[in-house]
Amino acid sequence: MPRYEGPQPLGSVMKQLIDQLGIRKKIDAARVIETWAALAGPQINGVTDSVRLRGRTLHVKIRSSAWRHELHLQRGQWCRRLNEQLGEDLVEAIAFR
């Protein structure tokens, strides 16, 4: 039985609970996808079919070849902006398909 250590900050308790439940990766993936949608904006989201995180690579399926090419050329900048917005390095690479 865990020893009572007195009051703790709620954020600390939530982090411990998330780790104990083993859902950190799912929560991080949801944060990445949500942050991508916010950064990409309505124009890019309008040509996006799907977004998913596999490991540390964000996969974004784009319907328009012109947009796909443009985003591919800027993938390093997108990756940096995404990690800055997240406050941690969750995305190592972005693959536009």
PDB file of N, CA and C in Angstrom:
ATOM      1  N   MET A   1       0.847  -1.177   0.000  1.00  0.00           N
ATOM      2  CA  MET A   1       0.000   0.000   0.000  1.00  0.00           C
ATOM      3  C   MET A   1       0.896   1.245   0.000  1.00  0.00           C
ATOM      4  N   PRO A   2       0.621   2.198  -0.894  1.00  0.00           N
ATOM      5  CA  PRO A   2       1.451   3.408  -0.947  1.00  0.00           C
ATOM      6  C   PRO A   2       1.338   4.227   0.340  1.00  0.00           C
ATOM      7  N   ARG A   3       2.445   4.819   0.691  1.00  0.00           N
ATOM      8  CA  ARG A   3       2.497   5.654   1.882  1.00  0.00           C
ATOM      9  C   ARG A   3       1.944   7.033   1.559  1.00  0.00           C
ATOM     10  N   TYR A   4       1.123   7.588   2.433  1.00  0.00           N
ATOM     11  CA  TYR A   4       0.550   8.920   2.228  1.00  0.00           C
ATOM     12  C   TYR A   4       1.633   9.968   2.442  1.00  0.00           C
ATOM     13  N   GLU A   5       1.820  10.824   1.440  1.00  0.00           N
ATOM     14  CA  GLU A   5       2.873  11.837   1.503  1.00  0.00           C
ATOM     15  C   GLU A   5       2.306  13.240   1.619  1.00  0.00           C
ATOM     16  N   GLY A   6       1.055  13.369   1.943  1.00  0.00           N
ATOM     17  CA  GLY A   6       0.457  14.688   2.075  1.00  0.00           C
ATOM     18  C   GLY A   6      -0.072  15.190   0.739  1.00  0.00           C
ATOM     19  N   PRO A   7      -0.589  16.400   0.731  1.00  0.00           N
ATOM     20  CA  PRO A   7      -1.154  16.976  -0.495  1.00  0.00           C
ATOM     21  C   PRO A   7      -0.081  17.112  -1.586  1.00  0.00           C
ATOM     22  N   GLN A   8      -0.504  16.854  -2.831  1.00  0.00           N
ATOM     23  CA  GLN A   8       0.379  16.984  -3.990  1.00  0.00           C
ATOM     24  C   GLN A   8      -0.334  17.820  -5.047  1.00  0.00           C
ATOM     25  N   PRO A   9       0.435  18.496  -5.890  1.00  0.00           N
ATOM     26  CA  PRO A   9      -0.198  19.259  -6.974  1.00  0.00           C
ATOM     27  C   PRO A   9      -0.989  18.324  -7.897  1.00  0.00           C
ATOM     28  N   LEU A  10      -2.138  18.783  -8.355  1.00  0.00           N
ATOM     29  CA  LEU A  10      -3.002  17.980  -9.207  1.00  0.00           C
ATOM     30  C   LEU A  10      -2.283  17.524 -10.480  1.00  0.00           C
ATOM     31  N   GLY A  11      -1.481  18.407 -11.073  1.00  0.00           N
ATOM     32  CA  GLY A  11      -0.737  18.046 -12.287  1.00  0.00           C
ATOM     33  C   GLY A  11       0.178  16.862 -12.057  1.00  0.00           C
ATOM     34  N   SER A  12       0.821  16.825 -10.918  1.00  0.00           N
ATOM     35  CA  SER A  12       1.717  15.724 -10.572  1.00  0.00           C
ATOM     36  C   SER A  12       0.939  14.418 -10.404  1.00  0.00           C
ATOM     37  N   VAL A  13      -0.192  14.498  -9.741  1.00  0.00           N
ATOM     38  CA  VAL A  13      -1.033  13.320  -9.543  1.00  0.00           C
ATOM     39  C   VAL A  13      -1.539  12.795 -10.882  1.00  0.00           C
ATOM     40  N   MET A  14      -1.960  13.705 -11.775  1.00  0.00           N
ATOM     41  CA  MET A  14      -2.461  13.298 -13.098  1.00  0.00           C
ATOM     42  C   MET A  14      -1.376  12.621 -13.917  1.00  0.00           C
ATOM     43  N   LYS A  15      -0.150  13.150 -13.882  1.00  0.00           N
ATOM     44  CA  LYS A  15       0.956  12.523 -14.615  1.00  0.00           C
ATOM     45  C   LYS A  15       1.209  11.114 -14.108  1.00  0.00           C
ATOM     46  N   GLN A  16       1.190  10.935 -12.795  1.00  0.00           N
ATOM     47  CA  GLN A  16       1.396   9.605 -12.209  1.00  0.00           C
ATOM     48  C   GLN A  16       0.284   8.647 -12.641  1.00  0.00           C
ATOM     49  N   LEU A  17      -0.938   9.125 -12.629  1.00  0.00           N
ATOM     50  CA  LEU A  17      -2.074   8.295 -13.014  1.00  0.00           C
ATOM     51  C   LEU A  17      -1.999   7.892 -14.486  1.00  0.00           C
ATOM     52  N   ILE A  18      -1.669   8.841 -15.340  1.00  0.00           N
ATOM     53  CA  ILE A  18      -1.538   8.568 -16.776  1.00  0.00           C
ATOM     54  C   ILE A  18      -0.468   7.515 -17.013  1.00  0.00           C
ATOM     55  N   ASP A  19       0.659   7.626 -16.319  1.00  0.00           N
ATOM     56  CA  ASP A  19       1.733   6.645 -16.466  1.00  0.00           C
ATOM     57  C   ASP A  19       1.309   5.281 -15.924  1.00  0.00           C
ATOM     58  N   GLN A  20       0.621   5.253 -14.796  1.00  0.00           N
ATOM     59  CA  GLN A  20       0.167   3.984 -14.213  1.00  0.00           C
ATOM     60  C   GLN A  20      -0.839   3.284 -15.126  1.00  0.00           C
ATOM     61  N   LEU A  21      -1.702   4.043 -15.765  1.00  0.00           N
ATOM     62  CA  LEU A  21      -2.696   3.463 -16.667  1.00  0.00           C
ATOM     63  C   LEU A  21      -2.109   3.079 -18.021  1.00  0.00           C
ATOM     64  N   GLY A  22      -0.895   3.551 -18.312  1.00  0.00           N
ATOM     65  CA  GLY A  22      -0.227   3.215 -19.572  1.00  0.00           C
ATOM     66  C   GLY A  22      -0.850   3.883 -20.789  1.00  0.00           C
ATOM     67  N   ILE A  23      -1.360   5.080 -20.606  1.00  0.00           N
ATOM     68  CA  ILE A  23      -2.013   5.765 -21.731  1.00  0.00           C
ATOM     69  C   ILE A  23      -1.253   7.005 -22.203  1.00  0.00           C
ATOM     70  N   ARG A  24      -0.023   7.155 -21.782  1.00  0.00           N
ATOM     71  CA  ARG A  24       0.786   8.319 -22.161  1.00  0.00           C
ATOM     72  C   ARG A  24       0.896   8.449 -23.682  1.00  0.00           C
ATOM     73  N   LYS A  25       1.199   7.342 -24.393  1.00  0.00           N
ATOM     74  CA  LYS A  25       1.380   7.408 -25.850  1.00  0.00           C
ATOM     75  C   LYS A  25       0.104   7.837 -26.559  1.00  0.00           C
ATOM     76  N   LYS A  26      -1.033   7.346 -26.099  1.00  0.00           N
ATOM     77  CA  LYS A  26      -2.303   7.714 -26.726  1.00  0.00           C
ATOM     78  C   LYS A  26      -2.617   9.190 -26.502  1.00  0.00           C
ATOM     79  N   ILE A  27      -2.354   9.662 -25.316  1.00  0.00           N
ATOM     80  CA  ILE A  27      -2.603  11.073 -25.015  1.00  0.00           C
ATOM     81  C   ILE A  27      -1.652  11.958 -25.809  1.00  0.00           C
ATOM     82  N   ASP A  28      -0.380  11.571 -25.890  1.00  0.00           N
ATOM     83  CA  ASP A  28       0.586  12.340 -26.678  1.00  0.00           C
ATOM     84  C   ASP A  28       0.186  12.369 -28.149  1.00  0.00           C
ATOM     85  N   ALA A  29      -0.262  11.233 -28.689  1.00  0.00           N
ATOM     86  CA  ALA A  29      -0.681  11.178 -30.097  1.00  0.00           C
ATOM     87  C   ALA A  29      -1.869  12.111 -30.328  1.00  0.00           C
ATOM     88  N   ALA A  30      -2.824  12.117 -29.422  1.00  0.00           N
ATOM     89  CA  ALA A  30      -3.986  13.009 -29.558  1.00  0.00           C
ATOM     90  C   ALA A  30      -3.558  14.467 -29.494  1.00  0.00           C
ATOM     91  N   ARG A  31      -2.609  14.780 -28.614  1.00  0.00           N
ATOM     92  CA  ARG A  31      -2.111  16.157 -28.509  1.00  0.00           C
ATOM     93  C   ARG A  31      -1.433  16.587 -29.807  1.00  0.00           C
ATOM     94  N   VAL A  32      -0.623  15.688 -30.390  1.00  0.00           N
ATOM     95  CA  VAL A  32       0.088  16.001 -31.633  1.00  0.00           C
ATOM     96  C   VAL A  32      -0.909  16.268 -32.753  1.00  0.00           C
ATOM     97  N   ILE A  33      -1.905  15.404 -32.900  1.00  0.00           N
ATOM     98  CA  ILE A  33      -2.889  15.546 -33.978  1.00  0.00           C
ATOM     99  C   ILE A  33      -3.706  16.821 -33.806  1.00  0.00           C
ATOM    100  N   GLU A  34      -4.104  17.107 -32.590  1.00  0.00           N
ATOM    101  CA  GLU A  34      -4.862  18.328 -32.310  1.00  0.00           C
ATOM    102  C   GLU A  34      -4.017  19.577 -32.585  1.00  0.00           C
ATOM    103  N   THR A  35      -2.759  19.541 -32.192  1.00  0.00           N
ATOM    104  CA  THR A  35      -1.864  20.684 -32.406  1.00  0.00           C
ATOM    105  C   THR A  35      -1.582  20.873 -33.887  1.00  0.00           C
ATOM    106  N   TRP A  36      -1.407  19.763 -34.622  1.00  0.00           N
ATOM    107  CA  TRP A  36      -1.199  19.853 -36.069  1.00  0.00           C
ATOM    108  C   TRP A  36      -2.392  20.565 -36.718  1.00  0.00           C
ATOM    109  N   ALA A  37      -3.608  20.157 -36.366  1.00  0.00           N
ATOM    110  CA  ALA A  37      -4.804  20.753 -36.959  1.00  0.00           C
ATOM    111  C   ALA A  37      -4.868  22.255 -36.679  1.00  0.00           C
ATOM    112  N   ALA A  38      -4.496  22.651 -35.483  1.00  0.00           N
ATOM    113  CA  ALA A  38      -4.516  24.073 -35.126  1.00  0.00           C
ATOM    114  C   ALA A  38      -3.460  24.851 -35.901  1.00  0.00           C
ATOM    115  N   LEU A  39      -2.259  24.289 -36.030  1.00  0.00           N
ATOM    116  CA  LEU A  39      -1.181  24.973 -36.755  1.00  0.00           C
ATOM    117  C   LEU A  39      -1.441  25.016 -38.264  1.00  0.00           C
ATOM    118  N   ALA A  40      -1.968  23.931 -38.806  1.00  0.00           N
ATOM    119  CA  ALA A  40      -2.176  23.839 -40.253  1.00  0.00           C
ATOM    120  C   ALA A  40      -3.241  24.821 -40.726  1.00  0.00           C
ATOM    121  N   GLY A  41      -4.251  25.036 -39.926  1.00  0.00           N
ATOM    122  CA  GLY A  41      -5.296  25.976 -40.297  1.00  0.00           C
ATOM    123  C   GLY A  41      -6.290  25.385 -41.284  1.00  0.00           C
ATOM    124  N   PRO A  42      -7.332  26.142 -41.597  1.00  0.00           N
ATOM    125  CA  PRO A  42      -8.428  25.622 -42.426  1.00  0.00           C
ATOM    126  C   PRO A  42      -8.032  25.291 -43.864  1.00  0.00           C
ATOM    127  N   GLN A  43      -7.093  26.042 -44.427  1.00  0.00           N
ATOM    128  CA  GLN A  43      -6.727  25.798 -45.829  1.00  0.00           C
ATOM    129  C   GLN A  43      -6.055  24.438 -45.996  1.00  0.00           C
ATOM    130  N   ILE A  44      -5.075  24.124 -45.152  1.00  0.00           N
ATOM    131  CA  ILE A  44      -4.387  22.835 -45.246  1.00  0.00           C
ATOM    132  C   ILE A  44      -5.294  21.716 -44.747  1.00  0.00           C
ATOM    133  N   ASN A  45      -6.032  21.959 -43.680  1.00  0.00           N
ATOM    134  CA  ASN A  45      -6.969  20.939 -43.192  1.00  0.00           C
ATOM    135  C   ASN A  45      -8.004  20.587 -44.252  1.00  0.00           C
ATOM    136  N   GLY A  46      -8.314  21.540 -45.123  1.00  0.00           N
ATOM    137  CA  GLY A  46      -9.284  21.299 -46.188  1.00  0.00           C
ATOM    138  C   GLY A  46      -8.810  20.319 -47.238  1.00  0.00           C
ATOM    139  N   VAL A  47      -7.498  20.130 -47.377  1.00  0.00           N
ATOM    140  CA  VAL A  47      -6.963  19.175 -48.351  1.00  0.00           C
ATOM    141  C   VAL A  47      -6.343  17.963 -47.662  1.00  0.00           C
ATOM    142  N   THR A  48      -6.568  17.827 -46.356  1.00  0.00           N
ATOM    143  CA  THR A  48      -6.012  16.718 -45.590  1.00  0.00           C
ATOM    144  C   THR A  48      -7.056  15.621 -45.418  1.00  0.00           C
ATOM    145  N   ASP A  49      -6.671  14.379 -45.760  1.00  0.00           N
ATOM    146  CA  ASP A  49      -7.576  13.233 -45.583  1.00  0.00           C
ATOM    147  C   ASP A  49      -7.438  12.612 -44.205  1.00  0.00           C
ATOM    148  N   SER A  50      -6.202  12.444 -43.730  1.00  0.00           N
ATOM    149  CA  SER A  50      -6.011  11.819 -42.420  1.00  0.00           C
ATOM    150  C   SER A  50      -4.674  12.245 -41.823  1.00  0.00           C
ATOM    151  N   VAL A  51      -4.610  12.154 -40.493  1.00  0.00           N
ATOM    152  CA  VAL A  51      -3.394  12.477 -39.745  1.00  0.00           C
ATOM    153  C   VAL A  51      -3.263  11.432 -38.650  1.00  0.00           C
ATOM    154  N   ARG A  52      -2.077  10.838 -38.529  1.00  0.00           N
ATOM    155  CA  ARG A  52      -1.854   9.882 -37.442  1.00  0.00           C
ATOM    156  C   ARG A  52      -0.386   9.910 -37.040  1.00  0.00           C
ATOM    157  N   LEU A  53      -0.134   9.536 -35.809  1.00  0.00           N
ATOM    158  CA  LEU A  53       1.226   9.484 -35.286  1.00  0.00           C
ATOM    159  C   LEU A  53       1.618   8.026 -35.131  1.00  0.00           C
ATOM    160  N   ARG A  54       2.720   7.652 -35.757  1.00  0.00           N
ATOM    161  CA  ARG A  54       3.286   6.306 -35.622  1.00  0.00           C
ATOM    162  C   ARG A  54       4.688   6.464 -35.080  1.00  0.00           C
ATOM    163  N   GLY A  55       4.874   5.999 -33.864  1.00  0.00           N
ATOM    164  CA  GLY A  55       6.164   6.221 -33.224  1.00  0.00           C
ATOM    165  C   GLY A  55       6.336   7.709 -33.023  1.00  0.00           C
ATOM    166  N   ARG A  56       7.387   8.251 -33.606  1.00  0.00           N
ATOM    167  CA  ARG A  56       7.635   9.694 -33.500  1.00  0.00           C
ATOM    168  C   ARG A  56       7.514  10.379 -34.863  1.00  0.00           C
ATOM    169  N   THR A  57       6.847   9.696 -35.811  1.00  0.00           N
ATOM    170  CA  THR A  57       6.635  10.261 -37.141  1.00  0.00           C
ATOM    171  C   THR A  57       5.155  10.575 -37.339  1.00  0.00           C
ATOM    172  N   LEU A  58       4.876  11.813 -37.712  1.00  0.00           N
ATOM    173  CA  LEU A  58       3.514  12.234 -38.009  1.00  0.00           C
ATOM    174  C   LEU A  58       3.257  11.972 -39.489  1.00  0.00           C
ATOM    175  N   HIS A  59       2.217  11.210 -39.785  1.00  0.00           N
ATOM    176  CA  HIS A  59       1.843  10.894 -41.169  1.00  0.00           C
ATOM    177  C   HIS A  59       0.610  11.711 -41.526  1.00  0.00           C
ATOM    178  N   VAL A  60       0.745  12.526 -42.564  1.00  0.00           N
ATOM    179  CA  VAL A  60      -0.357  13.396 -42.995  1.00  0.00           C
ATOM    180  C   VAL A  60      -0.671  13.055 -44.446  1.00  0.00           C
ATOM    181  N   LYS A  61      -1.907  12.618 -44.700  1.00  0.00           N
ATOM    182  CA  LYS A  61      -2.320  12.274 -46.059  1.00  0.00           C
ATOM    183  C   LYS A  61      -2.995  13.493 -46.679  1.00  0.00           C
ATOM    184  N   ILE A  62      -2.393  13.979 -47.763  1.00  0.00           N
ATOM    185  CA  ILE A  62      -2.845  15.199 -48.445  1.00  0.00           C
ATOM    186  C   ILE A  62      -3.416  14.831 -49.815  1.00  0.00           C
ATOM    187  N   ARG A  63      -4.598  15.358 -50.152  1.00  0.00           N
ATOM    188  CA  ARG A  63      -5.246  15.072 -51.446  1.00  0.00           C
ATOM    189  C   ARG A  63      -4.592  15.795 -52.608  1.00  0.00           C
ATOM    190  N   SER A  64      -4.049  16.966 -52.379  1.00  0.00           N
ATOM    191  CA  SER A  64      -3.505  17.801 -53.444  1.00  0.00           C
ATOM    192  C   SER A  64      -1.994  17.578 -53.583  1.00  0.00           C
ATOM    193  N   SER A  65      -1.566  17.206 -54.789  1.00  0.00           N
ATOM    194  CA  SER A  65      -0.129  16.985 -54.996  1.00  0.00           C
ATOM    195  C   SER A  65       0.671  18.284 -54.859  1.00  0.00           C
ATOM    196  N   ALA A  66       0.086  19.401 -55.250  1.00  0.00           N
ATOM    197  CA  ALA A  66       0.783  20.688 -55.115  1.00  0.00           C
ATOM    198  C   ALA A  66       1.007  21.013 -53.635  1.00  0.00           C
ATOM    199  N   TRP A  67      -0.042  20.849 -52.826  1.00  0.00           N
ATOM    200  CA  TRP A  67       0.099  21.097 -51.386  1.00  0.00           C
ATOM    201  C   TRP A  67       1.070  20.094 -50.765  1.00  0.00           C
ATOM    202  N   ARG A  68       0.979  18.836 -51.167  1.00  0.00           N
ATOM    203  CA  ARG A  68       1.872  17.807 -50.628  1.00  0.00           C
ATOM    204  C   ARG A  68       3.329  18.176 -50.887  1.00  0.00           C
ATOM    205  N   HIS A  69       3.617  18.625 -52.101  1.00  0.00           N
ATOM    206  CA  HIS A  69       4.991  19.007 -52.456  1.00  0.00           C
ATOM    207  C   HIS A  69       5.450  20.207 -51.624  1.00  0.00           C
ATOM    208  N   GLU A  70       4.606  21.212 -51.520  1.00  0.00           N
ATOM    209  CA  GLU A  70       4.944  22.414 -50.757  1.00  0.00           C
ATOM    210  C   GLU A  70       5.202  22.086 -49.291  1.00  0.00           C
ATOM    211  N   LEU A  71       4.328  21.289 -48.693  1.00  0.00           N
ATOM    212  CA  LEU A  71       4.489  20.913 -47.285  1.00  0.00           C
ATOM    213  C   LEU A  71       5.724  20.046 -47.075  1.00  0.00           C
ATOM    214  N   HIS A  72       5.987  19.166 -48.037  1.00  0.00           N
ATOM    215  CA  HIS A  72       7.175  18.311 -47.947  1.00  0.00           C
ATOM    216  C   HIS A  72       8.455  19.156 -47.893  1.00  0.00           C
ATOM    217  N   LEU A  73       8.504  20.200 -48.687  1.00  0.00           N
ATOM    218  CA  LEU A  73       9.684  21.069 -48.700  1.00  0.00           C
ATOM    219  C   LEU A  73       9.862  21.799 -47.371  1.00  0.00           C
ATOM    220  N   GLN A  74       8.777  22.005 -46.650  1.00  0.00           N
ATOM    221  CA  GLN A  74       8.813  22.748 -45.384  1.00  0.00           C
ATOM    222  C   GLN A  74       8.689  21.838 -44.162  1.00  0.00           C
ATOM    223  N   ARG A  75       8.863  20.535 -44.329  1.00  0.00           N
ATOM    224  CA  ARG A  75       8.589  19.600 -43.237  1.00  0.00           C
ATOM    225  C   ARG A  75       9.439  19.845 -41.991  1.00  0.00           C
ATOM    226  N   GLY A  76      10.684  20.287 -42.150  1.00  0.00           N
ATOM    227  CA  GLY A  76      11.528  20.590 -40.996  1.00  0.00           C
ATOM    228  C   GLY A  76      10.977  21.742 -40.174  1.00  0.00           C
ATOM    229  N   GLN A  77      10.514  22.775 -40.870  1.00  0.00           N
ATOM    230  CA  GLN A  77       9.922  23.926 -40.181  1.00  0.00           C
ATOM    231  C   GLN A  77       8.633  23.535 -39.465  1.00  0.00           C
ATOM    232  N   TRP A  78       7.814  22.708 -40.121  1.00  0.00           N
ATOM    233  CA  TRP A  78       6.575  22.248 -39.499  1.00  0.00           C
ATOM    234  C   TRP A  78       6.873  21.435 -38.247  1.00  0.00           C
ATOM    235  N   CYS A  79       7.865  20.591 -38.331  1.00  0.00           N
ATOM    236  CA  CYS A  79       8.242  19.745 -37.193  1.00  0.00           C
ATOM    237  C   CYS A  79       8.680  20.609 -36.002  1.00  0.00           C
ATOM    238  N   ARG A  80       9.523  21.596 -36.261  1.00  0.00           N
ATOM    239  CA  ARG A  80       9.974  22.507 -35.201  1.00  0.00           C
ATOM    240  C   ARG A  80       8.810  23.280 -34.579  1.00  0.00           C
ATOM    241  N   ARG A  81       7.956  23.813 -35.426  1.00  0.00           N
ATOM    242  CA  ARG A  81       6.802  24.580 -34.930  1.00  0.00           C
ATOM    243  C   ARG A  81       5.878  23.701 -34.080  1.00  0.00           C
ATOM    244  N   LEU A  82       5.677  22.492 -34.538  1.00  0.00           N
ATOM    245  CA  LEU A  82       4.813  21.561 -33.822  1.00  0.00           C
ATOM    246  C   LEU A  82       5.373  21.245 -32.438  1.00  0.00           C
ATOM    247  N   ASN A  83       6.655  20.914 -32.372  1.00  0.00           N
ATOM    248  CA  ASN A  83       7.282  20.599 -31.085  1.00  0.00           C
ATOM    249  C   ASN A  83       7.337  21.814 -30.161  1.00  0.00           C
ATOM    250  N   GLU A  84       7.554  22.988 -30.732  1.00  0.00           N
ATOM    251  CA  GLU A  84       7.533  24.217 -29.923  1.00  0.00           C
ATOM    252  C   GLU A  84       6.160  24.421 -29.303  1.00  0.00           C
ATOM    253  N   GLN A  85       5.134  24.224 -30.104  1.00  0.00           N
ATOM    254  CA  GLN A  85       3.768  24.399 -29.621  1.00  0.00           C
ATOM    255  C   GLN A  85       3.417  23.361 -28.551  1.00  0.00           C
ATOM    256  N   LEU A  86       3.927  22.142 -28.716  1.00  0.00           N
ATOM    257  CA  LEU A  86       3.661  21.071 -27.751  1.00  0.00           C
ATOM    258  C   LEU A  86       4.463  21.239 -26.461  1.00  0.00           C
ATOM    259  N   GLY A  87       5.574  21.949 -26.547  1.00  0.00           N
ATOM    260  CA  GLY A  87       6.413  22.148 -25.375  1.00  0.00           C
ATOM    261  C   GLY A  87       7.352  20.985 -25.101  1.00  0.00           C
ATOM    262  N   GLU A  88       7.415  20.031 -26.011  1.00  0.00           N
ATOM    263  CA  GLU A  88       8.337  18.901 -25.900  1.00  0.00           C
ATOM    264  C   GLU A  88       8.512  18.271 -27.277  1.00  0.00           C
ATOM    265  N   ASP A  89       9.583  17.528 -27.448  1.00  0.00           N
ATOM    266  CA  ASP A  89       9.893  16.924 -28.749  1.00  0.00           C
ATOM    267  C   ASP A  89       9.187  15.574 -28.899  1.00  0.00           C
ATOM    268  N   LEU A  90       7.947  15.623 -29.345  1.00  0.00           N
ATOM    269  CA  LEU A  90       7.171  14.395 -29.568  1.00  0.00           C
ATOM    270  C   LEU A  90       7.239  13.928 -31.002  1.00  0.00           C
ATOM    271  N   VAL A  91       7.543  14.857 -31.933  1.00  0.00           N
ATOM    272  CA  VAL A  91       7.565  14.535 -33.366  1.00  0.00           C
ATOM    273  C   VAL A  91       8.999  14.684 -33.880  1.00  0.00           C
ATOM    274  N   GLU A  92       9.493  13.588 -34.435  1.00  0.00           N
ATOM    275  CA  GLU A  92      10.855  13.569 -34.983  1.00  0.00           C
ATOM    276  C   GLU A  92      10.843  13.872 -36.479  1.00  0.00           C
ATOM    277  N   ALA A  93       9.764  13.452 -37.161  1.00  0.00           N
ATOM    278  CA  ALA A  93       9.669  13.637 -38.607  1.00  0.00           C
ATOM    279  C   ALA A  93       8.198  13.743 -38.999  1.00  0.00           C
ATOM    280  N   ILE A  94       7.970  14.346 -40.183  1.00  0.00           N
ATOM    281  CA  ILE A  94       6.618  14.422 -40.740  1.00  0.00           C
ATOM    282  C   ILE A  94       6.689  13.853 -42.143  1.00  0.00           C
ATOM    283  N   ALA A  95       5.784  12.922 -42.435  1.00  0.00           N
ATOM    284  CA  ALA A  95       5.692  12.326 -43.767  1.00  0.00           C
ATOM    285  C   ALA A  95       4.377  12.748 -44.399  1.00  0.00           C
ATOM    286  N   PHE A  96       4.484  13.423 -45.526  1.00  0.00           N
ATOM    287  CA  PHE A  96       3.292  13.847 -46.265  1.00  0.00           C
ATOM    288  C   PHE A  96       3.069  12.846 -47.387  1.00  0.00           C
ATOM    289  N   ARG A  97       1.896  12.273 -47.437  1.00  0.00           N
ATOM    290  CA  ARG A  97       1.575  11.248 -48.447  1.00  0.00           C
ATOM    291  C   ARG A  97       0.407  11.705 -49.281  1.00  0.00           C
TER     292      ARG A  97
END
